[in-house]
Amino acid sequence: MSHSTRRSVCAGMLVLQAVVLFLFGVVSIGITDIGAGPSLGMGAGLAALCVVAAGLLARPAGYVLGWLVQVVSVALGVVATPMFFLGVVFGALWLGAYLLGNRVDREKAERLVLEEQWQAEHGR
């Protein structure tokens, strides 16, 4: 099985989260006292972290980095309170993508085995 549903769905979630975290950096200019440079740097850095994590999902380290992104997203609520909510939402979406992706991959593998057994029994 060369195509992992978990990997695809989790990568999609991280790319969406990268957009939100970049925009958080832009918005935080007006709602915090951090300053424009650091705010944009923080948003761009977090967005880049999401993209790197998405690219590493072929390895276990990518998922560890993805979970770290979720923790950091919730922790950003200290900087801007709405990020507590957005961090929890993205954390829940990430968890759902991870668990449901695992389930789909497992069911695809089981189906492949059953198809191979059926073909062996029916000579096709």
PDB file of N, CA and C in Angstrom:
ATOM      1  N   MET A   1       0.856  -1.168   0.000  1.00  0.00           N
ATOM      2  CA  MET A   1       0.000   0.000   0.000  1.00  0.00           C
ATOM      3  C   MET A   1       0.906   1.236   0.000  1.00  0.00           C
ATOM      4  N   SER A   2       0.941   1.963  -1.076  1.00  0.00           N
ATOM      5  CA  SER A   2       1.877   3.071  -1.209  1.00  0.00           C
ATOM      6  C   SER A   2       1.271   4.416  -0.818  1.00  0.00           C
ATOM      7  N   HIS A   3      -0.039   4.510  -0.743  1.00  0.00           N
ATOM      8  CA  HIS A   3      -0.692   5.776  -0.465  1.00  0.00           C
ATOM      9  C   HIS A   3      -1.342   5.727   0.906  1.00  0.00           C
ATOM     10  N   SER A   4      -0.880   6.569   1.822  1.00  0.00           N
ATOM     11  CA  SER A   4      -1.420   6.591   3.168  1.00  0.00           C
ATOM     12  C   SER A   4      -2.466   7.698   3.292  1.00  0.00           C
ATOM     13  N   THR A   5      -3.665   7.308   3.657  1.00  0.00           N
ATOM     14  CA  THR A   5      -4.728   8.289   3.864  1.00  0.00           C
ATOM     15  C   THR A   5      -4.403   9.164   5.060  1.00  0.00           C
ATOM     16  N   ARG A   6      -3.868   8.559   6.127  1.00  0.00           N
ATOM     17  CA  ARG A   6      -3.510   9.349   7.315  1.00  0.00           C
ATOM     18  C   ARG A   6      -2.521  10.444   6.955  1.00  0.00           C
ATOM     19  N   ARG A   7      -1.525  10.078   6.191  1.00  0.00           N
ATOM     20  CA  ARG A   7      -0.508  11.051   5.804  1.00  0.00           C
ATOM     21  C   ARG A   7      -1.120  12.192   4.984  1.00  0.00           C
ATOM     22  N   SER A   8      -1.990  11.843   4.038  1.00  0.00           N
ATOM     23  CA  SER A   8      -2.609  12.861   3.186  1.00  0.00           C
ATOM     24  C   SER A   8      -3.506  13.803   3.977  1.00  0.00           C
ATOM     25  N   VAL A   9      -4.341  13.230   4.840  1.00  0.00           N
ATOM     26  CA  VAL A   9      -5.287  14.046   5.591  1.00  0.00           C
ATOM     27  C   VAL A   9      -4.554  14.913   6.618  1.00  0.00           C
ATOM     28  N   CYS A  10      -3.576  14.344   7.286  1.00  0.00           N
ATOM     29  CA  CYS A  10      -2.804  15.119   8.261  1.00  0.00           C
ATOM     30  C   CYS A  10      -2.006  16.237   7.575  1.00  0.00           C
ATOM     31  N   ALA A  11      -1.461  15.957   6.412  1.00  0.00           N
ATOM     32  CA  ALA A  11      -0.733  16.993   5.671  1.00  0.00           C
ATOM     33  C   ALA A  11      -1.679  18.120   5.277  1.00  0.00           C
ATOM     34  N   GLY A  12      -2.873  17.774   4.841  1.00  0.00           N
ATOM     35  CA  GLY A  12      -3.863  18.797   4.503  1.00  0.00           C
ATOM     36  C   GLY A  12      -4.206  19.668   5.694  1.00  0.00           C
ATOM     37  N   MET A  13      -4.364  19.053   6.861  1.00  0.00           N
ATOM     38  CA  MET A  13      -4.672  19.819   8.076  1.00  0.00           C
ATOM     39  C   MET A  13      -3.523  20.766   8.417  1.00  0.00           C
ATOM     40  N   LEU A  14      -2.302  20.285   8.286  1.00  0.00           N
ATOM     41  CA  LEU A  14      -1.155  21.134   8.610  1.00  0.00           C
ATOM     42  C   LEU A  14      -1.026  22.309   7.641  1.00  0.00           C
ATOM     43  N   VAL A  15      -1.350  22.099   6.379  1.00  0.00           N
ATOM     44  CA  VAL A  15      -1.277  23.199   5.413  1.00  0.00           C
ATOM     45  C   VAL A  15      -2.349  24.242   5.735  1.00  0.00           C
ATOM     46  N   LEU A  16      -3.554  23.791   6.068  1.00  0.00           N
ATOM     47  CA  LEU A  16      -4.595  24.747   6.481  1.00  0.00           C
ATOM     48  C   LEU A  16      -4.182  25.493   7.746  1.00  0.00           C
ATOM     49  N   GLN A  17      -3.586  24.772   8.669  1.00  0.00           N
ATOM     50  CA  GLN A  17      -3.139  25.406   9.904  1.00  0.00           C
ATOM     51  C   GLN A  17      -1.999  26.390   9.637  1.00  0.00           C
ATOM     52  N   ALA A  18      -1.178  26.106   8.657  1.00  0.00           N
ATOM     53  CA  ALA A  18      -0.099  27.030   8.302  1.00  0.00           C
ATOM     54  C   ALA A  18      -0.675  28.375   7.865  1.00  0.00           C
ATOM     55  N   VAL A  19      -1.738  28.342   7.088  1.00  0.00           N
ATOM     56  CA  VAL A  19      -2.381  29.588   6.645  1.00  0.00           C
ATOM     57  C   VAL A  19      -2.906  30.355   7.849  1.00  0.00           C
ATOM     58  N   VAL A  20      -3.595  29.654   8.756  1.00  0.00           N
ATOM     59  CA  VAL A  20      -4.166  30.305   9.936  1.00  0.00           C
ATOM     60  C   VAL A  20      -3.062  30.886  10.823  1.00  0.00           C
ATOM     61  N   LEU A  21      -1.988  30.145  11.023  1.00  0.00           N
ATOM     62  CA  LEU A  21      -0.913  30.641  11.877  1.00  0.00           C
ATOM     63  C   LEU A  21      -0.175  31.821  11.245  1.00  0.00           C
ATOM     64  N   PHE A  22      -0.035  31.803   9.932  1.00  0.00           N
ATOM     65  CA  PHE A  22       0.560  32.974   9.277  1.00  0.00           C
ATOM     66  C   PHE A  22      -0.339  34.196   9.464  1.00  0.00           C
ATOM     67  N   LEU A  23      -1.637  33.996   9.250  1.00  0.00           N
ATOM     68  CA  LEU A  23      -2.574  35.109   9.427  1.00  0.00           C
ATOM     69  C   LEU A  23      -2.638  35.556  10.887  1.00  0.00           C
ATOM     70  N   PHE A  24      -2.422  34.631  11.810  1.00  0.00           N
ATOM     71  CA  PHE A  24      -2.329  35.016  13.220  1.00  0.00           C
ATOM     72  C   PHE A  24      -1.195  36.014  13.412  1.00  0.00           C
ATOM     73  N   GLY A  25      -0.059  35.758  12.760  1.00  0.00           N
ATOM     74  CA  GLY A  25       1.062  36.689  12.858  1.00  0.00           C
ATOM     75  C   GLY A  25       0.703  38.062  12.334  1.00  0.00           C
ATOM     76  N   VAL A  26      -0.062  38.115  11.247  1.00  0.00           N
ATOM     77  CA  VAL A  26      -0.481  39.402  10.673  1.00  0.00           C
ATOM     78  C   VAL A  26      -1.450  40.105  11.617  1.00  0.00           C
ATOM     79  N   VAL A  27      -2.434  39.371  12.105  1.00  0.00           N
ATOM     80  CA  VAL A  27      -3.454  39.959  12.975  1.00  0.00           C
ATOM     81  C   VAL A  27      -2.870  40.367  14.320  1.00  0.00           C
ATOM     82  N   SER A  28      -1.901  39.629  14.809  1.00  0.00           N
ATOM     83  CA  SER A  28      -1.337  39.936  16.124  1.00  0.00           C
ATOM     84  C   SER A  28      -0.608  41.272  16.145  1.00  0.00           C
ATOM     85  N   ILE A  29      -0.308  41.823  14.984  1.00  0.00           N
ATOM     86  CA  ILE A  29       0.305  43.158  14.939  1.00  0.00           C
ATOM     87  C   ILE A  29      -0.629  44.168  15.593  1.00  0.00           C
ATOM     88  N   GLY A  30      -1.923  44.048  15.286  1.00  0.00           N
ATOM     89  CA  GLY A  30      -2.880  45.025  15.801  1.00  0.00           C
ATOM     90  C   GLY A  30      -3.446  44.710  17.167  1.00  0.00           C
ATOM     91  N   ILE A  31      -3.329  43.464  17.630  1.00  0.00           N
ATOM     92  CA  ILE A  31      -3.979  43.132  18.903  1.00  0.00           C
ATOM     93  C   ILE A  31      -2.993  42.843  20.035  1.00  0.00           C
ATOM     94  N   THR A  32      -1.697  42.927  19.751  1.00  0.00           N
ATOM     95  CA  THR A  32      -0.694  42.712  20.800  1.00  0.00           C
ATOM     96  C   THR A  32       0.308  43.861  20.764  1.00  0.00           C
ATOM     97  N   ASP A  33       1.168  43.881  21.749  1.00  0.00           N
ATOM     98  CA  ASP A  33       2.220  44.900  21.817  1.00  0.00           C
ATOM     99  C   ASP A  33       3.571  44.356  21.364  1.00  0.00           C
ATOM    100  N   ILE A  34       3.550  43.268  20.617  1.00  0.00           N
ATOM    101  CA  ILE A  34       4.797  42.600  20.229  1.00  0.00           C
ATOM    102  C   ILE A  34       5.569  43.408  19.190  1.00  0.00           C
ATOM    103  N   GLY A  35       4.886  44.034  18.261  1.00  0.00           N
ATOM    104  CA  GLY A  35       5.555  44.741  17.181  1.00  0.00           C
ATOM    105  C   GLY A  35       5.389  44.006  15.872  1.00  0.00           C
ATOM    106  N   ALA A  36       5.493  44.742  14.785  1.00  0.00           N
ATOM    107  CA  ALA A  36       5.223  44.180  13.459  1.00  0.00           C
ATOM    108  C   ALA A  36       6.239  43.100  13.067  1.00  0.00           C
ATOM    109  N   GLY A  37       7.515  43.380  13.226  1.00  0.00           N
ATOM    110  CA  GLY A  37       8.547  42.418  12.818  1.00  0.00           C
ATOM    111  C   GLY A  37       8.444  41.090  13.549  1.00  0.00           C
ATOM    112  N   PRO A  38       8.456  41.131  14.875  1.00  0.00           N
ATOM    113  CA  PRO A  38       8.337  39.874  15.610  1.00  0.00           C
ATOM    114  C   PRO A  38       7.014  39.142  15.359  1.00  0.00           C
ATOM    115  N   SER A  39       5.924  39.882  15.211  1.00  0.00           N
ATOM    116  CA  SER A  39       4.628  39.243  14.944  1.00  0.00           C
ATOM    117  C   SER A  39       4.639  38.518  13.609  1.00  0.00           C
ATOM    118  N   LEU A  40       5.126  39.195  12.573  1.00  0.00           N
ATOM    119  CA  LEU A  40       5.203  38.558  11.262  1.00  0.00           C
ATOM    120  C   LEU A  40       6.185  37.396  11.266  1.00  0.00           C
ATOM    121  N   GLY A  41       7.296  37.557  11.972  1.00  0.00           N
ATOM    122  CA  GLY A  41       8.275  36.478  12.076  1.00  0.00           C
ATOM    123  C   GLY A  41       7.701  35.266  12.781  1.00  0.00           C
ATOM    124  N   MET A  42       6.939  35.513  13.843  1.00  0.00           N
ATOM    125  CA  MET A  42       6.318  34.407  14.577  1.00  0.00           C
ATOM    126  C   MET A  42       5.311  33.687  13.683  1.00  0.00           C
ATOM    127  N   GLY A  43       4.459  34.443  13.003  1.00  0.00           N
ATOM    128  CA  GLY A  43       3.461  33.832  12.123  1.00  0.00           C
ATOM    129  C   GLY A  43       4.105  33.059  10.985  1.00  0.00           C
ATOM    130  N   ALA A  44       5.103  33.652  10.354  1.00  0.00           N
ATOM    131  CA  ALA A  44       5.785  32.988   9.239  1.00  0.00           C
ATOM    132  C   ALA A  44       6.561  31.760   9.722  1.00  0.00           C
ATOM    133  N   GLY A  45       7.182  31.875  10.888  1.00  0.00           N
ATOM    134  CA  GLY A  45       7.930  30.746  11.438  1.00  0.00           C
ATOM    135  C   GLY A  45       7.029  29.572  11.772  1.00  0.00           C
ATOM    136  N   LEU A  46       5.884  29.866  12.378  1.00  0.00           N
ATOM    137  CA  LEU A  46       4.946  28.792  12.711  1.00  0.00           C
ATOM    138  C   LEU A  46       4.345  28.169  11.458  1.00  0.00           C
ATOM    139  N   ALA A  47       4.064  29.010  10.461  1.00  0.00           N
ATOM    140  CA  ALA A  47       3.547  28.479   9.189  1.00  0.00           C
ATOM    141  C   ALA A  47       4.593  27.565   8.548  1.00  0.00           C
ATOM    142  N   ALA A  48       5.854  27.987   8.595  1.00  0.00           N
ATOM    143  CA  ALA A  48       6.931  27.156   8.037  1.00  0.00           C
ATOM    144  C   ALA A  48       7.068  25.846   8.808  1.00  0.00           C
ATOM    145  N   LEU A  49       6.887  25.902  10.130  1.00  0.00           N
ATOM    146  CA  LEU A  49       6.944  24.691  10.939  1.00  0.00           C
ATOM    147  C   LEU A  49       5.851  23.700  10.520  1.00  0.00           C
ATOM    148  N   CYS A  50       4.667  24.229  10.229  1.00  0.00           N
ATOM    149  CA  CYS A  50       3.576  23.365   9.749  1.00  0.00           C
ATOM    150  C   CYS A  50       3.934  22.711   8.421  1.00  0.00           C
ATOM    151  N   VAL A  51       4.494  23.485   7.514  1.00  0.00           N
ATOM    152  CA  VAL A  51       4.844  22.951   6.196  1.00  0.00           C
ATOM    153  C   VAL A  51       5.949  21.905   6.322  1.00  0.00           C
ATOM    154  N   VAL A  52       6.927  22.163   7.178  1.00  0.00           N
ATOM    155  CA  VAL A  52       8.000  21.188   7.401  1.00  0.00           C
ATOM    156  C   VAL A  52       7.422  19.902   7.988  1.00  0.00           C
ATOM    157  N   ALA A  53       6.529  20.044   8.968  1.00  0.00           N
ATOM    158  CA  ALA A  53       5.904  18.863   9.569  1.00  0.00           C
ATOM    159  C   ALA A  53       5.130  18.076   8.516  1.00  0.00           C
ATOM    160  N   ALA A  54       4.402  18.776   7.665  1.00  0.00           N
ATOM    161  CA  ALA A  54       3.647  18.101   6.598  1.00  0.00           C
ATOM    162  C   ALA A  54       4.593  17.345   5.670  1.00  0.00           C
ATOM    163  N   GLY A  55       5.730  17.934   5.374  1.00  0.00           N
ATOM    164  CA  GLY A  55       6.700  17.278   4.503  1.00  0.00           C
ATOM    165  C   GLY A  55       7.374  16.077   5.140  1.00  0.00           C
ATOM    166  N   LEU A  56       7.406  16.037   6.464  1.00  0.00           N
ATOM    167  CA  LEU A  56       8.075  14.943   7.169  1.00  0.00           C
ATOM    168  C   LEU A  56       7.126  13.817   7.574  1.00  0.00           C
ATOM    169  N   LEU A  57       5.875  13.876   7.150  1.00  0.00           N
ATOM    170  CA  LEU A  57       4.906  12.878   7.591  1.00  0.00           C
ATOM    171  C   LEU A  57       5.190  11.467   7.085  1.00  0.00           C
ATOM    172  N   ALA A  58       6.158  11.303   6.218  1.00  0.00           N
ATOM    173  CA  ALA A  58       6.547   9.960   5.799  1.00  0.00           C
ATOM    174  C   ALA A  58       7.316   9.250   6.910  1.00  0.00           C
ATOM    175  N   ARG A  59       7.748  10.034   7.905  1.00  0.00           N
ATOM    176  CA  ARG A  59       8.507   9.490   9.029  1.00  0.00           C
ATOM    177  C   ARG A  59       7.760   9.788  10.330  1.00  0.00           C
ATOM    178  N   PRO A  60       8.007   9.029  11.367  1.00  0.00           N
ATOM    179  CA  PRO A  60       7.348   9.299  12.653  1.00  0.00           C
ATOM    180  C   PRO A  60       7.641  10.702  13.194  1.00  0.00           C
ATOM    181  N   ALA A  61       8.815  11.238  12.889  1.00  0.00           N
ATOM    182  CA  ALA A  61       9.164  12.573  13.373  1.00  0.00           C
ATOM    183  C   ALA A  61       8.195  13.631  12.870  1.00  0.00           C
ATOM    184  N   GLY A  62       7.624  13.429  11.692  1.00  0.00           N
ATOM    185  CA  GLY A  62       6.656  14.380  11.162  1.00  0.00           C
ATOM    186  C   GLY A  62       5.414  14.457  12.025  1.00  0.00           C
ATOM    187  N   TYR A  63       4.967  13.320  12.526  1.00  0.00           N
ATOM    188  CA  TYR A  63       3.786  13.304  13.393  1.00  0.00           C
ATOM    189  C   TYR A  63       4.103  13.923  14.752  1.00  0.00           C
ATOM    190  N   VAL A  64       5.303  13.669  15.264  1.00  0.00           N
ATOM    191  CA  VAL A  64       5.717  14.297  16.525  1.00  0.00           C
ATOM    192  C   VAL A  64       5.725  15.809  16.349  1.00  0.00           C
ATOM    193  N   LEU A  65       6.274  16.281  15.250  1.00  0.00           N
ATOM    194  CA  LEU A  65       6.298  17.715  14.973  1.00  0.00           C
ATOM    195  C   LEU A  65       4.871  18.256  14.799  1.00  0.00           C
ATOM    196  N   GLY A  66       4.005  17.476  14.182  1.00  0.00           N
ATOM    197  CA  GLY A  66       2.602  17.882  14.037  1.00  0.00           C
ATOM    198  C   GLY A  66       1.920  18.049  15.379  1.00  0.00           C
ATOM    199  N   TRP A  67       2.180  17.125  16.310  1.00  0.00           N
ATOM    200  CA  TRP A  67       1.615  17.258  17.651  1.00  0.00           C
ATOM    201  C   TRP A  67       2.198  18.471  18.360  1.00  0.00           C
ATOM    202  N   LEU A  68       3.478  18.743  18.135  1.00  0.00           N
ATOM    203  CA  LEU A  68       4.099  19.928  18.739  1.00  0.00           C
ATOM    204  C   LEU A  68       3.434  21.206  18.229  1.00  0.00           C
ATOM    205  N   VAL A  69       3.128  21.236  16.950  1.00  0.00           N
ATOM    206  CA  VAL A  69       2.429  22.391  16.374  1.00  0.00           C
ATOM    207  C   VAL A  69       1.094  22.602  17.086  1.00  0.00           C
ATOM    208  N   GLN A  70       0.404  21.504  17.407  1.00  0.00           N
ATOM    209  CA  GLN A  70      -0.893  21.636  18.078  1.00  0.00           C
ATOM    210  C   GLN A  70      -0.722  22.239  19.466  1.00  0.00           C
ATOM    211  N   VAL A  71       0.293  21.806  20.194  1.00  0.00           N
ATOM    212  CA  VAL A  71       0.554  22.338  21.530  1.00  0.00           C
ATOM    213  C   VAL A  71       0.901  23.822  21.453  1.00  0.00           C
ATOM    214  N   VAL A  72       1.750  24.180  20.503  1.00  0.00           N
ATOM    215  CA  VAL A  72       2.142  25.582  20.340  1.00  0.00           C
ATOM    216  C   VAL A  72       0.937  26.442  19.957  1.00  0.00           C
ATOM    217  N   SER A  73       0.053  25.896  19.122  1.00  0.00           N
ATOM    218  CA  SER A  73      -1.136  26.648  18.706  1.00  0.00           C
ATOM    219  C   SER A  73      -2.018  26.996  19.893  1.00  0.00           C
ATOM    220  N   VAL A  74      -2.206  26.041  20.795  1.00  0.00           N
ATOM    221  CA  VAL A  74      -2.999  26.320  21.999  1.00  0.00           C
ATOM    222  C   VAL A  74      -2.256  27.301  22.899  1.00  0.00           C
ATOM    223  N   ALA A  75      -0.947  27.125  23.028  1.00  0.00           N
ATOM    224  CA  ALA A  75      -0.151  28.004  23.882  1.00  0.00           C
ATOM    225  C   ALA A  75      -0.147  29.450  23.384  1.00  0.00           C
ATOM    226  N   LEU A  76      -0.400  29.666  22.111  1.00  0.00           N
ATOM    227  CA  LEU A  76      -0.456  31.030  21.578  1.00  0.00           C
ATOM    228  C   LEU A  76      -1.609  31.826  22.172  1.00  0.00           C
ATOM    229  N   GLY A  77      -2.516  31.142  22.858  1.00  0.00           N
ATOM    230  CA  GLY A  77      -3.584  31.839  23.558  1.00  0.00           C
ATOM    231  C   GLY A  77      -3.056  32.797  24.609  1.00  0.00           C
ATOM    232  N   VAL A  78      -1.832  32.582  25.066  1.00  0.00           N
ATOM    233  CA  VAL A  78      -1.209  33.504  26.007  1.00  0.00           C
ATOM    234  C   VAL A  78      -0.934  34.840  25.321  1.00  0.00           C
ATOM    235  N   VAL A  79      -0.608  34.785  24.040  1.00  0.00           N
ATOM    236  CA  VAL A  79      -0.326  35.994  23.265  1.00  0.00           C
ATOM    237  C   VAL A  79      -1.620  36.668  22.821  1.00  0.00           C
ATOM    238  N   ALA A  80      -2.550  35.871  22.311  1.00  0.00           N
ATOM    239  CA  ALA A  80      -3.841  36.383  21.849  1.00  0.00           C
ATOM    240  C   ALA A  80      -4.905  35.366  22.252  1.00  0.00           C
ATOM    241  N   THR A  81      -5.800  35.760  23.113  1.00  0.00           N
ATOM    242  CA  THR A  81      -6.791  34.855  23.690  1.00  0.00           C
ATOM    243  C   THR A  81      -7.563  34.024  22.666  1.00  0.00           C
ATOM    244  N   PRO A  82      -7.949  34.564  21.500  1.00  0.00           N
ATOM    245  CA  PRO A  82      -8.685  33.734  20.535  1.00  0.00           C
ATOM    246  C   PRO A  82      -7.921  32.492  20.072  1.00  0.00           C
ATOM    247  N   MET A  83      -6.611  32.495  20.227  1.00  0.00           N
ATOM    248  CA  MET A  83      -5.833  31.333  19.805  1.00  0.00           C
ATOM    249  C   MET A  83      -6.053  30.135  20.713  1.00  0.00           C
ATOM    250  N   PHE A  84      -6.524  30.350  21.952  1.00  0.00           N
ATOM    251  CA  PHE A  84      -6.900  29.202  22.775  1.00  0.00           C
ATOM    252  C   PHE A  84      -7.972  28.406  22.040  1.00  0.00           C
ATOM    253  N   PHE A  85      -8.992  29.106  21.561  1.00  0.00           N
ATOM    254  CA  PHE A  85     -10.091  28.452  20.842  1.00  0.00           C
ATOM    255  C   PHE A  85      -9.600  27.834  19.534  1.00  0.00           C
ATOM    256  N   LEU A  86      -8.903  28.625  18.714  1.00  0.00           N
ATOM    257  CA  LEU A  86      -8.424  28.102  17.426  1.00  0.00           C
ATOM    258  C   LEU A  86      -7.442  26.950  17.607  1.00  0.00           C
ATOM    259  N   GLY A  87      -6.607  27.037  18.627  1.00  0.00           N
ATOM    260  CA  GLY A  87      -5.666  25.952  18.898  1.00  0.00           C
ATOM    261  C   GLY A  87      -6.374  24.662  19.254  1.00  0.00           C
ATOM    262  N   VAL A  88      -7.413  24.763  20.079  1.00  0.00           N
ATOM    263  CA  VAL A  88      -8.176  23.574  20.451  1.00  0.00           C
ATOM    264  C   VAL A  88      -8.913  23.018  19.232  1.00  0.00           C
ATOM    265  N   VAL A  89      -9.489  23.899  18.410  1.00  0.00           N
ATOM    266  CA  VAL A  89     -10.190  23.443  17.202  1.00  0.00           C
ATOM    267  C   VAL A  89      -9.234  22.708  16.275  1.00  0.00           C
ATOM    268  N   PHE A  90      -8.071  23.298  16.011  1.00  0.00           N
ATOM    269  CA  PHE A  90      -7.121  22.630  15.126  1.00  0.00           C
ATOM    270  C   PHE A  90      -6.557  21.363  15.766  1.00  0.00           C
ATOM    271  N   GLY A  91      -6.384  21.369  17.070  1.00  0.00           N
ATOM    272  CA  GLY A  91      -5.940  20.154  17.745  1.00  0.00           C
ATOM    273  C   GLY A  91      -6.945  19.022  17.578  1.00  0.00           C
ATOM    274  N   ALA A  92      -8.237  19.352  17.700  1.00  0.00           N
ATOM    275  CA  ALA A  92      -9.289  18.347  17.521  1.00  0.00           C
ATOM    276  C   ALA A  92      -9.329  17.862  16.071  1.00  0.00           C
ATOM    277  N   LEU A  93      -9.164  18.790  15.130  1.00  0.00           N
ATOM    278  CA  LEU A  93      -9.144  18.403  13.712  1.00  0.00           C
ATOM    279  C   LEU A  93      -7.936  17.517  13.409  1.00  0.00           C
ATOM    280  N   TRP A  94      -6.797  17.856  13.979  1.00  0.00           N
ATOM    281  CA  TRP A  94      -5.588  17.054  13.804  1.00  0.00           C
ATOM    282  C   TRP A  94      -5.799  15.648  14.380  1.00  0.00           C
ATOM    283  N   LEU A  95      -6.354  15.568  15.582  1.00  0.00           N
ATOM    284  CA  LEU A  95      -6.621  14.274  16.204  1.00  0.00           C
ATOM    285  C   LEU A  95      -7.575  13.461  15.338  1.00  0.00           C
ATOM    286  N   GLY A  96      -8.625  14.101  14.843  1.00  0.00           N
ATOM    287  CA  GLY A  96      -9.570  13.405  13.975  1.00  0.00           C
ATOM    288  C   GLY A  96      -8.912  12.908  12.700  1.00  0.00           C
ATOM    289  N   ALA A  97      -8.100  13.747  12.083  1.00  0.00           N
ATOM    290  CA  ALA A  97      -7.403  13.347  10.861  1.00  0.00           C
ATOM    291  C   ALA A  97      -6.460  12.181  11.136  1.00  0.00           C
ATOM    292  N   TYR A  98      -5.780  12.226  12.249  1.00  0.00           N
ATOM    293  CA  TYR A  98      -4.836  11.180  12.620  1.00  0.00           C
ATOM    294  C   TYR A  98      -5.561   9.851  12.846  1.00  0.00           C
ATOM    295  N   LEU A  99      -6.610   9.882  13.671  1.00  0.00           N
ATOM    296  CA  LEU A  99      -7.316   8.648  14.014  1.00  0.00           C
ATOM    297  C   LEU A  99      -8.111   8.085  12.837  1.00  0.00           C
ATOM    298  N   LEU A 100      -8.843   8.943  12.143  1.00  0.00           N
ATOM    299  CA  LEU A 100      -9.631   8.462  11.007  1.00  0.00           C
ATOM    300  C   LEU A 100      -8.737   8.017   9.856  1.00  0.00           C
ATOM    301  N   GLY A 101      -7.628   8.724   9.652  1.00  0.00           N
ATOM    302  CA  GLY A 101      -6.671   8.305   8.626  1.00  0.00           C
ATOM    303  C   GLY A 101      -6.106   6.932   8.932  1.00  0.00           C
ATOM    304  N   ASN A 102      -5.778   6.685  10.206  1.00  0.00           N
ATOM    305  CA  ASN A 102      -5.310   5.352  10.629  1.00  0.00           C
ATOM    306  C   ASN A 102      -6.357   4.289  10.336  1.00  0.00           C
ATOM    307  N   ARG A 103      -7.600   4.614  10.669  1.00  0.00           N
ATOM    308  CA  ARG A 103      -8.689   3.649  10.471  1.00  0.00           C
ATOM    309  C   ARG A 103      -8.862   3.305   8.989  1.00  0.00           C
ATOM    310  N   VAL A 104      -8.870   4.327   8.145  1.00  0.00           N
ATOM    311  CA  VAL A 104      -9.022   4.089   6.706  1.00  0.00           C
ATOM    312  C   VAL A 104      -7.862   3.268   6.171  1.00  0.00           C
ATOM    313  N   ASP A 105      -6.640   3.590   6.590  1.00  0.00           N
ATOM    314  CA  ASP A 105      -5.473   2.822   6.137  1.00  0.00           C
ATOM    315  C   ASP A 105      -5.565   1.367   6.570  1.00  0.00           C
ATOM    316  N   ARG A 106      -5.991   1.134   7.803  1.00  0.00           N
ATOM    317  CA  ARG A 106      -6.134  -0.231   8.307  1.00  0.00           C
ATOM    318  C   ARG A 106      -7.199  -0.992   7.508  1.00  0.00           C
ATOM    319  N   GLU A 107      -8.341  -0.337   7.254  1.00  0.00           N
ATOM    320  CA  GLU A 107      -9.413  -0.996   6.500  1.00  0.00           C
ATOM    321  C   GLU A 107      -9.013  -1.255   5.047  1.00  0.00           C
ATOM    322  N   LYS A 108      -8.235  -0.347   4.455  1.00  0.00           N
ATOM    323  CA  LYS A 108      -7.745  -0.585   3.095  1.00  0.00           C
ATOM    324  C   LYS A 108      -6.824  -1.792   3.061  1.00  0.00           C
ATOM    325  N   ALA A 109      -5.964  -1.930   4.067  1.00  0.00           N
ATOM    326  CA  ALA A 109      -5.051  -3.071   4.125  1.00  0.00           C
ATOM    327  C   ALA A 109      -5.830  -4.374   4.304  1.00  0.00           C
ATOM    328  N   GLU A 110      -6.851  -4.354   5.160  1.00  0.00           N
ATOM    329  CA  GLU A 110      -7.675  -5.548   5.357  1.00  0.00           C
ATOM    330  C   GLU A 110      -8.405  -5.920   4.070  1.00  0.00           C
ATOM    331  N   ARG A 111      -8.912  -4.928   3.365  1.00  0.00           N
ATOM    332  CA  ARG A 111      -9.622  -5.209   2.114  1.00  0.00           C
ATOM    333  C   ARG A 111      -8.678  -5.807   1.073  1.00  0.00           C
ATOM    334  N   LEU A 112      -7.467  -5.295   1.010  1.00  0.00           N
ATOM    335  CA  LEU A 112      -6.486  -5.825   0.058  1.00  0.00           C
ATOM    336  C   LEU A 112      -6.214  -7.306   0.330  1.00  0.00           C
ATOM    337  N   VAL A 113      -6.074  -7.655   1.597  1.00  0.00           N
ATOM    338  CA  VAL A 113      -5.842  -9.058   1.962  1.00  0.00           C
ATOM    339  C   VAL A 113      -7.033  -9.912   1.544  1.00  0.00           C
ATOM    340  N   LEU A 114      -8.244  -9.435   1.822  1.00  0.00           N
ATOM    341  CA  LEU A 114      -9.443 -10.197   1.457  1.00  0.00           C
ATOM    342  C   LEU A 114      -9.577 -10.342  -0.055  1.00  0.00           C
ATOM    343  N   GLU A 115      -9.243  -9.300  -0.807  1.00  0.00           N
ATOM    344  CA  GLU A 115      -9.298  -9.391  -2.269  1.00  0.00           C
ATOM    345  C   GLU A 115      -8.291 -10.399  -2.796  1.00  0.00           C
ATOM    346  N   GLU A 116      -7.090 -10.403  -2.222  1.00  0.00           N
ATOM    347  CA  GLU A 116      -6.072 -11.366  -2.652  1.00  0.00           C
ATOM    348  C   GLU A 116      -6.514 -12.797  -2.318  1.00  0.00           C
ATOM    349  N   GLN A 117      -7.122 -12.993  -1.161  1.00  0.00           N
ATOM    350  CA  GLN A 117      -7.628 -14.319  -0.811  1.00  0.00           C
ATOM    351  C   GLN A 117      -8.732 -14.759  -1.780  1.00  0.00           C
ATOM    352  N   TRP A 118      -9.630 -13.856  -2.086  1.00  0.00           N
ATOM    353  CA  TRP A 118     -10.732 -14.174  -2.994  1.00  0.00           C
ATOM    354  C   TRP A 118     -10.200 -14.533  -4.370  1.00  0.00           C
ATOM    355  N   GLN A 119      -9.237 -13.759  -4.869  1.00  0.00           N
ATOM    356  CA  GLN A 119      -8.664 -14.048  -6.177  1.00  0.00           C
ATOM    357  C   GLN A 119      -7.931 -15.385  -6.179  1.00  0.00           C
ATOM    358  N   ALA A 120      -7.254 -15.717  -5.070  1.00  0.00           N
ATOM    359  CA  ALA A 120      -6.550 -17.006  -4.993  1.00  0.00           C
ATOM    360  C   ALA A 120      -7.548 -18.170  -4.986  1.00  0.00           C
ATOM    361  N   GLU A 121      -8.667 -17.972  -4.331  1.00  0.00           N
ATOM    362  CA  GLU A 121      -9.669 -19.040  -4.250  1.00  0.00           C
ATOM    363  C   GLU A 121     -10.457 -19.195  -5.554  1.00  0.00           C
ATOM    364  N   HIS A 122     -10.607 -18.125  -6.282  1.00  0.00           N
ATOM    365  CA  HIS A 122     -11.437 -18.172  -7.492  1.00  0.00           C
ATOM    366  C   HIS A 122     -10.615 -18.145  -8.786  1.00  0.00           C
ATOM    367  N   GLY A 123      -9.323 -18.280  -8.656  1.00  0.00           N
ATOM    368  CA  GLY A 123      -8.452 -18.422  -9.820  1.00  0.00           C
ATOM    369  C   GLY A 123      -8.390 -17.198 -10.717  1.00  0.00           C
ATOM    370  N   ARG A 124      -8.445 -16.060 -10.172  1.00  0.00           N
ATOM    371  CA  ARG A 124      -8.360 -14.832 -10.997  1.00  0.00           C
ATOM    372  C   ARG A 124      -7.185 -14.008 -10.647  1.00  0.00           C
TER     373      ARG A 124
END
